[in-house]
PDB file of N, CA and C in Angstrom:
ATOM      1  N   MET A   1     -21.188   4.453  -7.800  1.00  0.00           N
ATOM      2  CA  MET A   1     -22.072   2.855  -7.569  1.00  0.00           C
ATOM      3  C   MET A   1     -21.235   1.869  -6.963  1.00  0.00           C
ATOM      4  N   TYR A   2     -20.132   2.322  -6.365  1.00  0.00           N
ATOM      5  CA  TYR A   2     -18.809   0.517  -5.729  1.00  0.00           C
ATOM      6  C   TYR A   2     -20.396   0.594  -4.934  1.00  0.00           C
ATOM      7  N   ARG A   3     -20.991   1.303  -3.654  1.00  0.00           N
ATOM      8  CA  ARG A   3     -21.616   0.853  -2.915  1.00  0.00           C
ATOM      9  C   ARG A   3     -23.261   0.265  -3.227  1.00  0.00           C
ATOM     10  N   ARG A   4     -23.962   0.953  -4.332  1.00  0.00           N
ATOM     11  CA  ARG A   4     -25.063   0.018  -4.613  1.00  0.00           C
ATOM     12  C   ARG A   4     -25.097  -0.772  -5.074  1.00  0.00           C
ATOM     13  N   GLU A   5     -23.387  -1.429  -6.094  1.00  0.00           N
ATOM     14  CA  GLU A   5     -23.182  -2.620  -6.029  1.00  0.00           C
ATOM     15  C   GLU A   5     -23.370  -3.546  -4.926  1.00  0.00           C
ATOM     16  N   LEU A   6     -22.111  -3.677  -4.345  1.00  0.00           N
ATOM     17  CA  LEU A   6     -22.395  -3.427  -2.830  1.00  0.00           C
ATOM     18  C   LEU A   6     -23.273  -4.497  -2.324  1.00  0.00           C
ATOM     19  N   ALA A   7     -24.578  -3.438  -2.172  1.00  0.00           N
ATOM     20  CA  ALA A   7     -25.473  -3.849  -1.643  1.00  0.00           C
ATOM     21  C   ALA A   7     -26.692  -4.457  -1.712  1.00  0.00           C
ATOM     22  N   GLU A   8     -26.327  -4.565  -3.302  1.00  0.00           N
ATOM     23  CA  GLU A   8     -27.066  -5.790  -4.496  1.00  0.00           C
ATOM     24  C   GLU A   8     -26.656  -7.086  -4.208  1.00  0.00           C
ATOM     25  N   ARG A   9     -25.106  -7.292  -4.561  1.00  0.00           N
ATOM     26  CA  ARG A   9     -24.673  -8.144  -3.953  1.00  0.00           C
ATOM     27  C   ARG A   9     -24.893  -9.009  -2.140  1.00  0.00           C
ATOM     28  N   ALA A  10     -25.265  -7.775  -1.413  1.00  0.00           N
ATOM     29  CA  ALA A  10     -25.223  -8.445   0.192  1.00  0.00           C
ATOM     30  C   ALA A  10     -26.504  -8.402   0.197  1.00  0.00           C
ATOM     31  N   GLY A  11     -27.617  -7.713  -0.164  1.00  0.00           N
ATOM     32  CA  GLY A  11     -28.693  -8.110  -0.411  1.00  0.00           C
ATOM     33  C   GLY A  11     -28.631  -9.818  -1.782  1.00  0.00           C
ATOM     34  N   LEU A  12     -28.388 -10.011  -2.620  1.00  0.00           N
ATOM     35  CA  LEU A  12     -28.153 -11.041  -3.507  1.00  0.00           C
ATOM     36  C   LEU A  12     -28.242 -12.800  -2.112  1.00  0.00           C
ATOM     37  N   TYR A  13     -26.378 -12.499  -1.571  1.00  0.00           N
ATOM     38  CA  TYR A  13     -26.672 -13.781  -0.449  1.00  0.00           C
ATOM     39  C   TYR A  13     -27.215 -13.897   0.659  1.00  0.00           C
ATOM     40  N   SER A  14     -28.245 -12.964   1.446  1.00  0.00           N
ATOM     41  CA  SER A  14     -28.982 -12.583   2.675  1.00  0.00           C
ATOM     42  C   SER A  14     -30.376 -13.684   1.900  1.00  0.00           C
ATOM     43  N   ARG A  15     -30.473 -13.802   0.670  1.00  0.00           N
ATOM     44  CA  ARG A  15     -31.147 -14.471  -0.317  1.00  0.00           C
ATOM     45  C   ARG A  15     -31.348 -15.483  -0.721  1.00  0.00           C
ATOM     46  N   LEU A  16     -29.289 -16.104  -0.314  1.00  0.00           N
ATOM     47  CA  LEU A  16     -28.348 -17.459  -0.309  1.00  0.00           C
ATOM     48  C   LEU A  16     -28.927 -18.002   0.333  1.00  0.00           C
ATOM     49  N   GLY A  17     -28.976 -17.354   1.634  1.00  0.00           N
ATOM     50  CA  GLY A  17     -29.388 -18.105   3.288  1.00  0.00           C
ATOM     51  C   GLY A  17     -27.372 -17.748   3.868  1.00  0.00           C
ATOM     52  N   TYR A  18     -26.837 -17.020   3.580  1.00  0.00           N
ATOM     53  CA  TYR A  18     -25.296 -16.658   3.751  1.00  0.00           C
ATOM     54  C   TYR A  18     -25.524 -15.846   5.268  1.00  0.00           C
ATOM     55  N   PRO A  19     -24.699 -16.192   6.459  1.00  0.00           N
ATOM     56  CA  PRO A  19     -25.185 -15.180   7.829  1.00  0.00           C
ATOM     57  C   PRO A  19     -24.764 -13.700   6.749  1.00  0.00           C
ATOM     58  N   PRO A  20     -24.558 -13.123   8.036  1.00  0.00           N
ATOM     59  CA  PRO A  20     -23.809 -11.855   7.602  1.00  0.00           C
ATOM     60  C   PRO A  20     -22.102 -11.393   7.985  1.00  0.00           C
ATOM     61  N   SER A  21     -21.676 -12.106   8.444  1.00  0.00           N
ATOM     62  CA  SER A  21     -20.776 -12.003   8.593  1.00  0.00           C
ATOM     63  C   SER A  21     -19.248 -13.265   7.752  1.00  0.00           C
ATOM     64  N   ARG A  22     -20.001 -14.173   7.456  1.00  0.00           N
ATOM     65  CA  ARG A  22     -20.123 -14.083   5.623  1.00  0.00           C
ATOM     66  C   ARG A  22     -19.921 -13.750   4.414  1.00  0.00           C
ATOM     67  N   ALA A  23     -20.892 -13.156   4.331  1.00  0.00           N
ATOM     68  CA  ALA A  23     -22.093 -11.831   3.359  1.00  0.00           C
ATOM     69  C   ALA A  23     -20.120 -10.933   3.474  1.00  0.00           C
ATOM     70  N   ILE A  24     -19.997 -10.266   4.919  1.00  0.00           N
ATOM     71  CA  ILE A  24     -19.202  -9.541   5.641  1.00  0.00           C
ATOM     72  C   ILE A  24     -18.124  -9.706   4.338  1.00  0.00           C
ATOM     73  N   SER A  25     -17.079 -11.061   5.080  1.00  0.00           N
ATOM     74  CA  SER A  25     -15.544 -11.917   4.331  1.00  0.00           C
ATOM     75  C   SER A  25     -15.728 -11.429   2.536  1.00  0.00           C
ATOM     76  N   ARG A  26     -17.168 -12.131   2.082  1.00  0.00           N
ATOM     77  CA  ARG A  26     -16.964 -12.408   0.791  1.00  0.00           C
ATOM     78  C   ARG A  26     -16.734 -11.312  -0.354  1.00  0.00           C
ATOM     79  N   LEU A  27     -17.565 -10.007   0.970  1.00  0.00           N
ATOM     80  CA  LEU A  27     -17.631  -8.889  -0.075  1.00  0.00           C
ATOM     81  C   LEU A  27     -16.173  -8.072  -0.069  1.00  0.00           C
ATOM     82  N   GLN A  28     -15.453  -7.473   1.555  1.00  0.00           N
ATOM     83  CA  GLN A  28     -13.548  -7.869   1.634  1.00  0.00           C
ATOM     84  C   GLN A  28     -13.511  -8.071   0.961  1.00  0.00           C
ATOM     85  N   ALA A  29     -12.942  -9.733   0.763  1.00  0.00           N
ATOM     86  CA  ALA A  29     -12.270 -10.078  -0.280  1.00  0.00           C
ATOM     87  C   ALA A  29     -12.381  -9.695  -1.538  1.00  0.00           C
ATOM     88  N   ASN A  30     -13.662  -9.592  -2.287  1.00  0.00           N
ATOM     89  CA  ASN A  30     -13.882  -9.385  -3.435  1.00  0.00           C
ATOM     90  C   ASN A  30     -13.352  -7.547  -3.675  1.00  0.00           C
ATOM     91  N   VAL A  31     -13.174  -6.821  -3.299  1.00  0.00           N
ATOM     92  CA  VAL A  31     -13.460  -5.734  -2.975  1.00  0.00           C
ATOM     93  C   VAL A  31     -11.591  -5.090  -3.404  1.00  0.00           C
ATOM     94  N   GLN A  32     -10.758  -5.999  -2.414  1.00  0.00           N
ATOM     95  CA  GLN A  32      -9.651  -6.423  -2.029  1.00  0.00           C
ATOM     96  C   GLN A  32      -8.800  -6.844  -3.673  1.00  0.00           C
ATOM     97  N   TRP A  33     -10.104  -7.723  -3.447  1.00  0.00           N
ATOM     98  CA  TRP A  33      -9.186  -8.147  -5.302  1.00  0.00           C
ATOM     99  C   TRP A  33      -9.353  -7.049  -6.192  1.00  0.00           C
ATOM    100  N   ASP A  34     -10.678  -6.549  -6.111  1.00  0.00           N
ATOM    101  CA  ASP A  34     -10.556  -5.136  -7.244  1.00  0.00           C
ATOM    102  C   ASP A  34      -9.519  -4.465  -7.073  1.00  0.00           C
ATOM    103  N   PHE A  35      -8.830  -3.845  -6.654  1.00  0.00           N
ATOM    104  CA  PHE A  35      -8.270  -2.945  -6.256  1.00  0.00           C
ATOM    105  C   PHE A  35      -6.865  -2.972  -5.506  1.00  0.00           C
ATOM    106  N   GLU A  36      -6.691  -4.302  -6.150  1.00  0.00           N
ATOM    107  CA  GLU A  36      -4.996  -4.635  -5.568  1.00  0.00           C
ATOM    108  C   GLU A  36      -4.104  -4.279  -6.681  1.00  0.00           C
ATOM    109  N   LEU A  37      -4.587  -4.141  -7.730  1.00  0.00           N
ATOM    110  CA  LEU A  37      -3.703  -3.985  -8.760  1.00  0.00           C
ATOM    111  C   LEU A  37      -3.574  -1.644  -8.635  1.00  0.00           C
ATOM    112  N   ASP A  38      -4.499  -1.513  -8.130  1.00  0.00           N
ATOM    113  CA  ASP A  38      -4.341   0.122  -8.156  1.00  0.00           C
ATOM    114  C   ASP A  38      -3.146   0.468  -7.911  1.00  0.00           C
ATOM    115  N   ALA A  39      -2.642   1.551  -8.442  1.00  0.00           N
ATOM    116  CA  ALA A  39      -1.766   2.408  -7.708  1.00  0.00           C
ATOM    117  C   ALA A  39      -1.849   3.410  -6.377  1.00  0.00           C
ATOM    118  N   GLY A  40      -2.870   3.477  -6.053  1.00  0.00           N
ATOM    119  CA  GLY A  40      -4.213   3.964  -5.229  1.00  0.00           C
ATOM    120  C   GLY A  40      -4.656   3.266  -4.062  1.00  0.00           C
ATOM    121  N   PRO A  41      -5.128   4.314  -3.028  1.00  0.00           N
ATOM    122  CA  PRO A  41      -6.013   3.211  -1.819  1.00  0.00           C
ATOM    123  C   PRO A  41      -7.448   2.969  -2.753  1.00  0.00           C
ATOM    124  N   ARG A  42      -8.200   2.085  -2.360  1.00  0.00           N
ATOM    125  CA  ARG A  42      -9.536   2.198  -2.199  1.00  0.00           C
ATOM    126  C   ARG A  42     -10.283   3.658  -2.255  1.00  0.00           C
ATOM    127  N   PRO A  43     -11.263   3.415  -3.608  1.00  0.00           N
ATOM    128  CA  PRO A  43     -11.520   4.514  -3.343  1.00  0.00           C
ATOM    129  C   PRO A  43     -12.708   4.644  -1.794  1.00  0.00           C
ATOM    130  N   LYS A  44     -13.006   6.161  -1.277  1.00  0.00           N
ATOM    131  CA  LYS A  44     -13.377   6.779  -0.764  1.00  0.00           C
ATOM    132  C   LYS A  44     -14.714   5.492  -0.330  1.00  0.00           C
ATOM    133  N   GLY A  45     -15.298   5.867   0.838  1.00  0.00           N
ATOM    134  CA  GLY A  45     -17.092   4.741   1.337  1.00  0.00           C
ATOM    135  C   GLY A  45     -16.284   3.410   1.237  1.00  0.00           C
ATOM    136  N   LEU A  46     -15.054   2.561   0.410  1.00  0.00           N
ATOM    137  CA  LEU A  46     -14.909   0.848   0.645  1.00  0.00           C
ATOM    138  C   LEU A  46     -14.006   0.324   1.352  1.00  0.00           C
ATOM    139  N   SER A  47     -13.855   1.279   2.484  1.00  0.00           N
ATOM    140  CA  SER A  47     -13.064   0.229   3.573  1.00  0.00           C
ATOM    141  C   SER A  47     -14.116  -0.942   4.315  1.00  0.00           C
ATOM    142  N   ASP A  48     -13.053  -1.541   4.962  1.00  0.00           N
ATOM    143  CA  ASP A  48     -13.614  -3.172   5.417  1.00  0.00           C
ATOM    144  C   ASP A  48     -14.493  -2.395   6.281  1.00  0.00           C
ATOM    145  N   ASP A  49     -15.074  -0.896   7.272  1.00  0.00           N
ATOM    146  CA  ASP A  49     -15.396  -1.839   7.730  1.00  0.00           C
ATOM    147  C   ASP A  49     -16.646   0.126   7.653  1.00  0.00           C
ATOM    148  N   ASP A  50     -16.488   0.202   5.858  1.00  0.00           N
ATOM    149  CA  ASP A  50     -17.693   0.313   5.683  1.00  0.00           C
ATOM    150  C   ASP A  50     -18.869  -0.070   4.726  1.00  0.00           C
ATOM    151  N   ILE A  51     -17.492  -1.910   4.264  1.00  0.00           N
ATOM    152  CA  ILE A  51     -18.297  -2.631   4.036  1.00  0.00           C
ATOM    153  C   ILE A  51     -18.751  -2.812   4.891  1.00  0.00           C
ATOM    154  N   ALA A  52     -18.077  -2.962   5.601  1.00  0.00           N
ATOM    155  CA  ALA A  52     -19.368  -3.855   6.555  1.00  0.00           C
ATOM    156  C   ALA A  52     -20.744  -2.951   7.042  1.00  0.00           C
ATOM    157  N   ASP A  53     -20.823  -2.384   7.614  1.00  0.00           N
ATOM    158  CA  ASP A  53     -21.980  -1.434   7.986  1.00  0.00           C
ATOM    159  C   ASP A  53     -22.878  -1.503   6.736  1.00  0.00           C
ATOM    160  N   ILE A  54     -22.124  -1.870   5.178  1.00  0.00           N
ATOM    161  CA  ILE A  54     -23.557  -1.800   4.514  1.00  0.00           C
ATOM    162  C   ILE A  54     -23.980  -2.918   4.388  1.00  0.00           C
ATOM    163  N   VAL A  55     -23.578  -4.471   4.721  1.00  0.00           N
ATOM    164  CA  VAL A  55     -24.220  -5.904   4.637  1.00  0.00           C
ATOM    165  C   VAL A  55     -24.801  -5.350   5.407  1.00  0.00           C
ATOM    166  N   LYS A  56     -24.633  -4.626   6.817  1.00  0.00           N
ATOM    167  CA  LYS A  56     -25.505  -4.852   7.947  1.00  0.00           C
ATOM    168  C   LYS A  56     -27.076  -3.762   7.147  1.00  0.00           C
ATOM    169  N   SER A  57     -26.628  -2.976   7.499  1.00  0.00           N
ATOM    170  CA  SER A  57     -28.026  -2.289   6.776  1.00  0.00           C
ATOM    171  C   SER A  57     -29.136  -3.217   5.959  1.00  0.00           C
ATOM    172  N   THR A  58     -28.129  -3.667   4.682  1.00  0.00           N
ATOM    173  CA  THR A  58     -28.687  -4.348   3.562  1.00  0.00           C
ATOM    174  C   THR A  58     -29.263  -5.789   4.495  1.00  0.00           C
ATOM    175  N   TYR A  59     -28.426  -6.139   5.351  1.00  0.00           N
ATOM    176  CA  TYR A  59     -29.505  -7.273   6.204  1.00  0.00           C
ATOM    177  C   TYR A  59     -30.740  -7.026   6.645  1.00  0.00           C
ATOM    178  N   LEU A  60     -30.743  -6.165   7.581  1.00  0.00           N
ATOM    179  CA  LEU A  60     -31.524  -5.249   7.849  1.00  0.00           C
ATOM    180  C   LEU A  60     -32.791  -4.860   7.943  1.00  0.00           C
ATOM    181  N   ARG A  61     -32.905  -4.757   5.971  1.00  0.00           N
ATOM    182  CA  ARG A  61     -34.206  -3.856   5.682  1.00  0.00           C
ATOM    183  C   ARG A  61     -34.697  -5.478   5.216  1.00  0.00           C
ATOM    184  N   ARG A  62     -33.572  -6.746   4.618  1.00  0.00           N
ATOM    185  CA  ARG A  62     -34.252  -7.359   4.238  1.00  0.00           C
ATOM    186  C   ARG A  62     -35.545  -8.694   5.994  1.00  0.00           C
ATOM    187  N   PRO A  63     -36.883  -9.112   4.973  1.00  0.00           N
ATOM    188  CA  PRO A  63     -37.525 -10.281   5.890  1.00  0.00           C
ATOM    189  C   PRO A  63     -36.874 -10.719   6.295  1.00  0.00           C
ATOM    190  N   SER A  64     -37.177 -10.788   7.940  1.00  0.00           N
ATOM    191  CA  SER A  64     -36.501 -12.783   7.773  1.00  0.00           C
ATOM    192  C   SER A  64     -37.546 -13.294   7.409  1.00  0.00           C
ATOM    193  N   ARG A  65     -36.417 -14.666   7.204  1.00  0.00           N
ATOM    194  CA  ARG A  65     -37.485 -16.060   7.213  1.00  0.00           C
ATOM    195  C   ARG A  65     -38.281 -16.695   7.659  1.00  0.00           C
TER     196      ARG A  65
END
């Protein structure tokens, strides 16, 4: 569920013209904020590296302008 939502947000940022680096940093910050009060670690598959991979793969699937 989280990974699909991150891919959808990455697609939105791509359509808005955000560079991948900015989309990665925004999504990483959002996930960090979402889980900052949680007693445990982030769910598996939501590390900063995983988020960067999601954004990169989403941007690769999008047609360039």
